[in-house]
């Protein structure tokens, strides 16, 4: 599946979602650009630079450059400057290049190439839209994928059709999350479900697993919005399908994302259905993820998984009247609050402090 988009890390512990790149398949974007062009090298370096960037999805920053300017997750100031002044600008320039190629390509002469150009414009528009939270860029990405799908039909180009359909679904999913729109999420779900049937699991297990992981995220969103146990159960099935092709030794980050999301879904089922067993099952899964994640390499991701674990403990304490677990949840949220004390992520610090206060209230209630 050729796309530049990040995958979702569900983060019920502090609210919202985190996303990041790990797939390393953005280089497919270069396939239709002349390797001798100076743009080729600049875009390749820009794609490499955006690997492993972590971000919280939020609505309508004006541009990719503003998003890059806000990042504090990279190793040093030079990395941030390059991301801001160099790589982000290259992506925005690449839209003009691709649009010029589109104007020079005749559909009758080379329909496959024109469809690929439409698809790649959608990739870059969607990439900028996802990181900046720009509804405009996301809507333009959707339009570009729809133009690609006028040529890439399911009957004539089934694999290419599935790739563009998946990427259209990713854009609809992002719009649905940003605007809290269940109808967009349902459209995304239908598109993912249609496309995954055409993705060849044996030949491209990475794309197949990524599609199922996104099915799981959309079902989770719909299930938590509607408090639907059946929908959350379907989400769990989708995540477990994805996990079947994501081995921990060979794909540690993909494995960690999926394990976290399985745990988050079990946690949601436990909270919505007052199911102590589901809550109990979520905590050791979070533990396994925290053991694998490198806390120094991805500190924000580690903190979110840790917050998920503590929030599951808090919920389990409330359902089961475990005083010691309620006290442990307070200590856990206080530790997470301290982690954010000297960072730019003041919103997360505020949320962690509020959760710690909720935990104190639960402790007081259980002590009576």
Protein backbone atom coordinates (compact mmCIF):
# COMPACT_ATOMS: atom_id res chain seq x y z
CA UNK A 1 0.00 0.00 0.00
CA UNK A 2 1.77 3.12 -1.24
CA UNK A 3 1.22 5.97 1.14
CA UNK A 4 2.98 8.46 3.36
CA UNK A 5 0.50 8.35 6.20
CA UNK A 6 1.11 7.43 9.81
CA UNK A 7 -0.69 4.74 11.74
CA UNK A 8 -2.82 5.47 14.80
CA UNK A 9 -1.77 4.68 18.35
CA UNK A 10 -4.95 4.67 20.44
CA UNK A 11 -4.39 6.64 23.64
CA UNK A 12 -7.47 6.49 25.89
CA UNK A 13 -5.34 7.19 28.96
CA UNK A 14 -4.88 10.88 28.13
CA UNK A 15 -7.44 11.24 25.36
CA UNK A 16 -6.92 11.73 21.64
CA UNK A 17 -4.58 9.72 19.43
CA UNK A 18 -0.92 9.69 18.52
CA UNK A 19 0.30 8.88 15.06
CA UNK A 20 3.70 8.20 13.56
CA UNK A 21 5.51 6.88 10.51
CA UNK A 22 7.23 3.56 10.59
CA UNK A 23 6.25 1.78 7.38
CA UNK A 24 9.12 3.07 5.21
CA UNK A 25 7.05 2.76 2.05
CA UNK A 26 6.81 6.44 1.21
CA UNK A 27 9.59 5.97 -1.35
CA UNK A 28 6.97 4.56 -3.73
CA UNK A 29 6.08 8.19 -4.32
CA UNK A 30 9.34 8.53 -6.28
CA UNK A 31 8.44 5.86 -8.83
CA UNK A 32 7.02 8.32 -11.37
CA UNK A 33 9.70 11.02 -10.93
CA UNK A 34 12.82 11.09 -13.12
CA UNK A 35 15.76 9.86 -10.96
CA UNK A 36 17.98 12.44 -12.68
CA UNK A 37 15.77 15.30 -11.52
CA UNK A 38 17.05 17.36 -8.56
CA UNK A 39 13.54 17.06 -7.13
CA UNK A 40 14.03 13.29 -6.86
CA UNK A 41 16.91 13.60 -4.41
CA UNK A 42 15.29 16.38 -2.41
CA UNK A 43 12.03 14.47 -2.07
CA UNK A 44 13.85 11.25 -1.13
CA UNK A 45 15.69 13.07 1.67
CA UNK A 46 12.43 14.70 2.80
CA UNK A 47 10.68 11.33 3.01
CA UNK A 48 13.59 9.91 5.01
CA UNK A 49 13.52 12.92 7.34
CA UNK A 50 9.85 12.38 8.17
CA UNK A 51 10.39 8.75 9.20
CA UNK A 52 9.47 8.07 12.81
CA UNK A 53 8.03 11.53 13.44
CA UNK A 54 5.36 11.36 16.13
CA UNK A 55 2.40 13.71 16.22
CA UNK A 56 -0.94 14.27 17.87
CA UNK A 57 -3.76 14.72 15.39
CA UNK A 58 -5.30 18.18 15.84
CA UNK A 59 -7.48 20.35 13.67
CA UNK A 60 -6.27 23.00 11.22
CA UNK A 61 -2.72 24.12 11.67
CA UNK A 62 -2.24 26.26 8.56
CA UNK A 63 0.59 24.29 6.97
CA UNK A 64 2.99 21.38 7.17
CA UNK A 65 5.76 23.87 7.93
CA UNK A 66 3.91 25.10 11.03
CA UNK A 67 3.43 21.51 12.16
CA UNK A 68 7.13 20.79 11.66
CA UNK A 69 8.04 23.97 13.51
CA UNK A 70 6.09 22.74 16.55
CA UNK A 71 7.88 19.40 16.85
CA UNK A 72 10.03 18.69 19.88
CA UNK A 73 10.31 14.94 19.39
CA UNK A 74 13.44 14.96 17.22
CA UNK A 75 16.93 14.53 18.57
CA UNK A 76 18.37 18.02 18.17
CA UNK A 77 17.80 21.53 16.90
CA UNK A 78 19.49 20.86 13.57
CA UNK A 79 17.02 18.06 12.86
CA UNK A 80 14.11 20.36 13.68
CA UNK A 81 15.44 23.17 11.48
CA UNK A 82 15.94 20.82 8.56
CA UNK A 83 12.48 19.35 9.02
CA UNK A 84 10.95 22.81 9.19
CA UNK A 85 12.86 24.73 6.53
CA UNK A 86 13.83 21.97 4.15
CA UNK A 87 11.75 18.84 4.11
CA UNK A 88 8.34 20.37 4.80
CA UNK A 89 8.88 22.87 1.98
CA UNK A 90 9.88 20.08 -0.42
CA UNK A 91 6.57 18.29 0.09
CA UNK A 92 4.61 21.43 -0.68
CA UNK A 93 6.73 22.07 -3.80
CA UNK A 94 6.22 18.48 -4.95
CA UNK A 95 2.49 19.13 -5.37
CA UNK A 96 3.28 21.70 -8.08
CA UNK A 97 5.61 19.24 -9.80
CA UNK A 98 3.01 16.46 -9.78
CA UNK A 99 0.26 18.79 -10.96
CA UNK A 100 2.49 19.83 -13.88
CA UNK A 101 3.04 16.16 -14.76
CA UNK A 102 -0.71 15.66 -14.59
CA UNK A 103 -1.31 18.42 -17.14
CA UNK A 104 1.22 16.88 -19.53
CA UNK A 105 -0.15 13.33 -19.36
CA UNK A 106 -2.94 12.32 -21.71
CA UNK A 107 -5.42 9.79 -20.37
CA UNK A 108 -5.90 8.12 -23.73
CA UNK A 109 -2.15 7.68 -24.26
CA UNK A 110 -1.12 6.54 -20.78
CA UNK A 111 -4.02 5.98 -18.36
CA UNK A 112 -1.92 4.03 -15.85
CA UNK A 113 0.59 6.85 -15.48
CA UNK A 114 -2.15 9.46 -15.11
CA UNK A 115 -3.84 7.38 -12.43
CA UNK A 116 -0.51 7.03 -10.58
CA UNK A 117 -0.02 10.82 -10.70
CA UNK A 118 -3.52 11.42 -9.30
CA UNK A 119 -2.79 8.85 -6.58
CA UNK A 120 0.54 10.46 -5.66
CA UNK A 121 -0.97 13.94 -5.53
CA UNK A 122 -3.44 12.43 -3.09
CA UNK A 123 -0.54 11.01 -1.07
CA UNK A 124 1.18 14.36 -0.67
CA UNK A 125 -2.04 16.32 -0.09
CA UNK A 126 -3.12 13.75 2.48
CA UNK A 127 0.29 13.70 4.14
CA UNK A 128 0.21 17.47 4.61
CA UNK A 129 -3.44 17.35 5.66
CA UNK A 130 -2.89 14.63 8.23
CA UNK A 131 -0.02 16.39 9.94
CA UNK A 132 -1.39 19.92 9.73
CA UNK A 133 -4.97 18.85 10.44
CA UNK A 134 -6.00 20.84 7.36
CA UNK A 135 -9.48 19.91 6.18
CA UNK A 136 -8.74 21.65 2.87
CA UNK A 137 -5.70 19.46 2.09
CA UNK A 138 -7.54 16.31 3.17
CA UNK A 139 -10.51 17.12 0.95
CA UNK A 140 -8.15 17.78 -1.96
CA UNK A 141 -6.48 14.43 -1.28
CA UNK A 142 -9.85 12.67 -1.40
CA UNK A 143 -10.60 14.35 -4.73
CA UNK A 144 -7.27 13.18 -6.17
CA UNK A 145 -7.88 9.57 -5.12
CA UNK A 146 -11.37 9.71 -6.62
CA UNK A 147 -9.79 10.88 -9.90
CA UNK A 148 -7.35 7.96 -9.74
CA UNK A 149 -10.26 5.58 -9.11
CA UNK A 150 -12.01 6.77 -12.28
CA UNK A 151 -9.16 4.99 -14.09
CA UNK A 152 -8.15 2.33 -11.56
CA UNK A 153 -11.31 0.25 -11.58
CA UNK A 154 -11.74 -2.89 -9.51
CA UNK A 155 -12.20 -5.05 -12.60
CA UNK A 156 -9.32 -3.73 -14.72
CA UNK A 157 -6.68 -2.86 -12.08
CA UNK A 158 -7.69 -4.67 -8.87
CA UNK A 159 -4.47 -4.14 -6.90
CA UNK A 160 -4.05 -0.48 -7.88
CA UNK A 161 -7.76 0.03 -7.19
CA UNK A 162 -7.30 -1.45 -3.71
CA UNK A 163 -4.31 0.82 -3.01
CA UNK A 164 -6.16 4.00 -3.99
CA UNK A 165 -9.30 2.84 -2.18
CA UNK A 166 -7.31 2.23 1.02
CA UNK A 167 -5.70 5.65 0.82
CA UNK A 168 -9.06 7.33 0.21
CA UNK A 169 -10.32 5.50 3.29
CA UNK A 170 -7.33 6.80 5.30
CA UNK A 171 -8.23 10.37 4.35
CA UNK A 172 -11.91 9.84 5.24
CA UNK A 173 -10.81 8.27 8.54
CA UNK A 174 -8.65 11.31 9.37
CA UNK A 175 -11.46 13.72 8.49
CA UNK A 176 -13.87 11.65 10.57
CA UNK A 177 -11.53 11.76 13.56
CA UNK A 178 -10.82 15.49 13.24
CA UNK A 179 -14.47 16.44 12.83
CA UNK A 180 -15.90 13.69 15.07
CA UNK A 181 -18.12 12.67 12.16
CA UNK A 182 -19.49 9.12 12.36
CA UNK A 183 -20.76 9.22 8.77
CA UNK A 184 -17.23 9.82 7.44
CA UNK A 185 -15.90 7.03 9.64
CA UNK A 186 -18.55 4.68 8.24
CA UNK A 187 -17.55 5.63 4.68
CA UNK A 188 -13.92 4.93 5.58
CA UNK A 189 -14.85 1.56 7.05
CA UNK A 190 -16.75 0.51 3.92
CA UNK A 191 -13.79 1.50 1.71
CA UNK A 192 -11.27 -0.39 3.85
CA UNK A 193 -13.46 -3.48 3.91
CA UNK A 194 -13.87 -3.41 0.13
CA UNK A 195 -10.15 -2.92 -0.48
CA UNK A 196 -8.77 -5.50 1.92
CA UNK A 197 -10.40 -8.30 -0.08
CA UNK A 198 -8.25 -7.32 -3.07
CA UNK A 199 -4.96 -6.93 -1.19
CA UNK A 200 -2.81 -10.07 -1.68
CA UNK A 201 -1.91 -11.26 1.81
CA UNK A 202 0.74 -13.73 0.66
CA UNK A 203 2.56 -11.29 -1.65
CA UNK A 204 2.17 -8.13 0.45
CA UNK A 205 1.46 -8.96 4.06
CA UNK A 206 2.57 -5.50 5.21
CA UNK A 207 -0.18 -3.74 3.25
CA UNK A 208 -2.73 -6.37 4.19
CA UNK A 209 -1.94 -5.96 7.90
CA UNK A 210 -1.93 -2.15 7.66
CA UNK A 211 -5.40 -2.20 6.10
CA UNK A 212 -6.75 -4.45 8.86
CA UNK A 213 -5.14 -2.23 11.49
CA UNK A 214 -7.01 0.75 10.06
CA UNK A 215 -10.26 -1.23 10.00
CA UNK A 216 -9.66 -1.83 13.69
CA UNK A 217 -9.12 1.87 14.43
CA UNK A 218 -12.31 2.92 12.64
CA UNK A 219 -14.36 0.23 14.39
CA UNK A 220 -12.87 1.30 17.73
CA UNK A 221 -13.89 4.90 17.06
CA UNK A 222 -17.41 3.90 16.12
CA UNK A 223 -17.66 1.50 19.05
CA UNK A 224 -16.59 4.06 21.63
CA UNK A 225 -18.85 6.73 20.11
CA UNK A 226 -21.88 4.45 20.23
CA UNK A 227 -20.80 2.44 23.28
CA UNK A 228 -21.27 -0.60 21.05
CA UNK A 229 -19.92 -3.88 22.40
CA UNK A 230 -20.45 -5.66 19.08
CA UNK A 231 -18.49 -3.01 17.17
CA UNK A 232 -15.64 -3.17 19.68
CA UNK A 233 -15.56 -6.97 19.34
CA UNK A 234 -15.22 -6.52 15.56
CA UNK A 235 -12.40 -4.04 16.18
CA UNK A 236 -10.61 -6.63 18.26
CA UNK A 237 -10.89 -9.19 15.45
CA UNK A 238 -9.43 -6.70 12.95
CA UNK A 239 -6.46 -5.85 15.18
CA UNK A 240 -5.76 -9.53 15.80
CA UNK A 241 -5.81 -10.16 12.04
CA UNK A 242 -3.22 -7.39 11.64
CA UNK A 243 -1.13 -8.84 14.47
CA UNK A 244 -1.03 -12.22 12.74
CA UNK A 245 1.29 -10.65 10.14
CA UNK A 246 3.27 -8.44 12.54
CA UNK A 247 5.94 -10.42 14.33
CA UNK A 248 7.67 -8.71 17.25
CA UNK A 249 11.29 -9.47 16.26
CA UNK A 250 10.98 -8.35 12.62
CA UNK A 251 8.41 -5.53 12.99
CA UNK A 252 8.74 -4.28 16.58
CA UNK A 253 7.00 -0.94 16.10
CA UNK A 254 4.15 -2.35 14.04
CA UNK A 255 3.77 -5.10 16.65
CA UNK A 256 3.79 -2.53 19.47
CA UNK A 257 1.14 -0.36 17.79
CA UNK A 258 -1.15 -3.31 17.28
CA UNK A 259 -0.68 -4.78 20.77
CA UNK A 260 -1.41 -1.35 22.29
CA UNK A 261 -4.54 -1.04 20.18
CA UNK A 262 -5.75 -4.52 21.16
CA UNK A 263 -5.25 -3.57 24.81
CA UNK A 264 -7.06 -0.25 24.29
CA UNK A 265 -10.00 -2.07 22.70
CA UNK A 266 -10.18 -4.54 25.60
CA UNK A 267 -10.03 -1.57 27.95
CA UNK A 268 -12.92 0.13 26.12
CA UNK A 269 -14.96 -3.08 26.25
CA UNK A 270 -14.27 -3.37 29.97
CA UNK A 271 -15.23 0.24 30.68
CA UNK A 272 -18.36 0.27 28.52
CA UNK A 273 -19.63 -3.15 29.56
CA UNK A 274 -18.34 -3.13 33.16
CA UNK A 275 -16.36 -6.23 32.20
CA UNK A 276 -13.68 -6.87 34.82
CA UNK A 277 -12.17 -9.70 32.76
CA UNK A 278 -11.54 -7.46 29.75
CA UNK A 279 -9.91 -4.80 31.93
CA UNK A 280 -7.72 -7.40 33.60
CA UNK A 281 -6.67 -8.74 30.19
CA UNK A 282 -5.64 -5.29 28.90
CA UNK A 283 -3.02 -4.55 31.57
CA UNK A 284 -0.48 -7.34 30.78
CA UNK A 285 -0.73 -6.44 27.08
CA UNK A 286 0.28 -2.87 27.87
CA UNK A 287 3.11 -4.31 29.98
CA UNK A 288 4.45 -6.30 27.02
CA UNK A 289 4.44 -3.18 24.81
CA UNK A 290 6.30 -1.10 27.41
CA UNK A 291 8.98 -3.78 27.66
CA UNK A 292 9.61 -3.61 23.90
CA UNK A 293 9.38 0.15 23.29
CA UNK A 294 12.60 2.12 23.62
CA UNK A 295 11.74 4.86 26.10
CA UNK A 296 14.58 7.12 24.92
CA UNK A 297 13.84 6.69 21.20
CA UNK A 298 10.07 7.24 21.37
CA UNK A 299 9.43 8.92 24.73
CA UNK A 300 6.04 10.35 23.81
CA UNK A 301 4.75 7.02 22.55
CA UNK A 302 6.10 5.27 25.65
CA UNK A 303 4.36 7.82 27.88
CA UNK A 304 1.04 7.32 26.11
CA UNK A 305 1.17 3.53 26.44
CA UNK A 306 2.13 3.95 30.11
CA UNK A 307 -0.85 6.29 30.59
CA UNK A 308 -3.11 3.72 28.92
CA UNK A 309 -1.91 1.09 31.37
CA UNK A 310 -2.50 3.32 34.38
CA UNK A 311 -5.97 4.33 33.13
CA UNK A 312 -6.89 0.65 32.76
CA UNK A 313 -5.75 0.09 36.35
CA UNK A 314 -7.92 3.02 37.48
CA UNK A 315 -10.96 1.59 35.68
CA UNK A 316 -10.33 -1.89 37.07
CA UNK A 317 -10.02 -0.46 40.59
CA UNK A 318 -13.35 1.29 40.17
CA UNK A 319 -15.11 -1.84 38.94
CA UNK A 320 -13.56 -4.22 41.47
CA UNK A 321 -13.06 -1.96 44.53
CA UNK A 322 -9.33 -2.70 44.62
CA UNK A 323 -7.94 -0.02 46.93
CA UNK A 324 -4.29 -0.88 46.31
CA UNK A 325 -4.80 -0.65 42.53
CA UNK A 326 -6.53 2.72 42.90
CA UNK A 327 -3.56 3.96 44.92
CA UNK A 328 -1.17 2.60 42.26
CA UNK A 329 -3.10 4.44 39.55
CA UNK A 330 -2.65 7.75 41.42
CA UNK A 331 1.10 7.14 41.66
CA UNK A 332 1.20 6.21 37.97
CA UNK A 333 -0.57 9.35 36.81
CA UNK A 334 1.64 11.49 39.04
CA UNK A 335 4.72 9.92 37.43
CA UNK A 336 3.34 10.62 33.95
CA UNK A 337 2.55 14.20 34.99
CA UNK A 338 6.20 14.59 36.05
CA UNK A 339 7.38 13.23 32.68
CA UNK A 340 5.67 16.12 30.90
CA UNK A 341 6.76 18.77 33.42
CA UNK A 342 9.71 20.12 31.39
CA UNK A 343 8.28 19.63 27.91
CA UNK A 344 6.12 21.52 25.45
CA UNK A 345 3.27 19.06 26.03
CA UNK A 346 1.52 21.05 28.75
CA UNK A 347 -1.90 19.77 27.65
CA UNK A 348 -0.88 16.20 28.41
CA UNK A 349 0.55 17.27 31.77
CA UNK A 350 -2.78 18.92 32.61
CA UNK A 351 -4.68 15.78 31.59
CA UNK A 352 -2.40 13.54 33.65
CA UNK A 353 -2.84 15.81 36.69
CA UNK A 354 -6.62 15.67 36.25
CA UNK A 355 -6.54 11.86 36.04
CA UNK A 356 -4.41 11.73 39.19
CA UNK A 357 -7.04 13.81 40.96
CA UNK A 358 -9.75 11.42 39.78
CA UNK A 359 -7.68 8.60 41.21
CA UNK A 360 -7.41 10.35 44.57
CA UNK A 361 -11.18 10.73 44.66
CA UNK A 362 -11.58 7.00 43.95
CA UNK A 363 -9.09 6.15 46.71
CA UNK A 364 -11.04 8.31 49.18
CA UNK A 365 -14.30 6.64 48.18
CA UNK A 366 -12.86 3.14 48.58
CA UNK A 367 -11.40 3.98 51.98
CA UNK A 368 -14.83 4.80 53.41
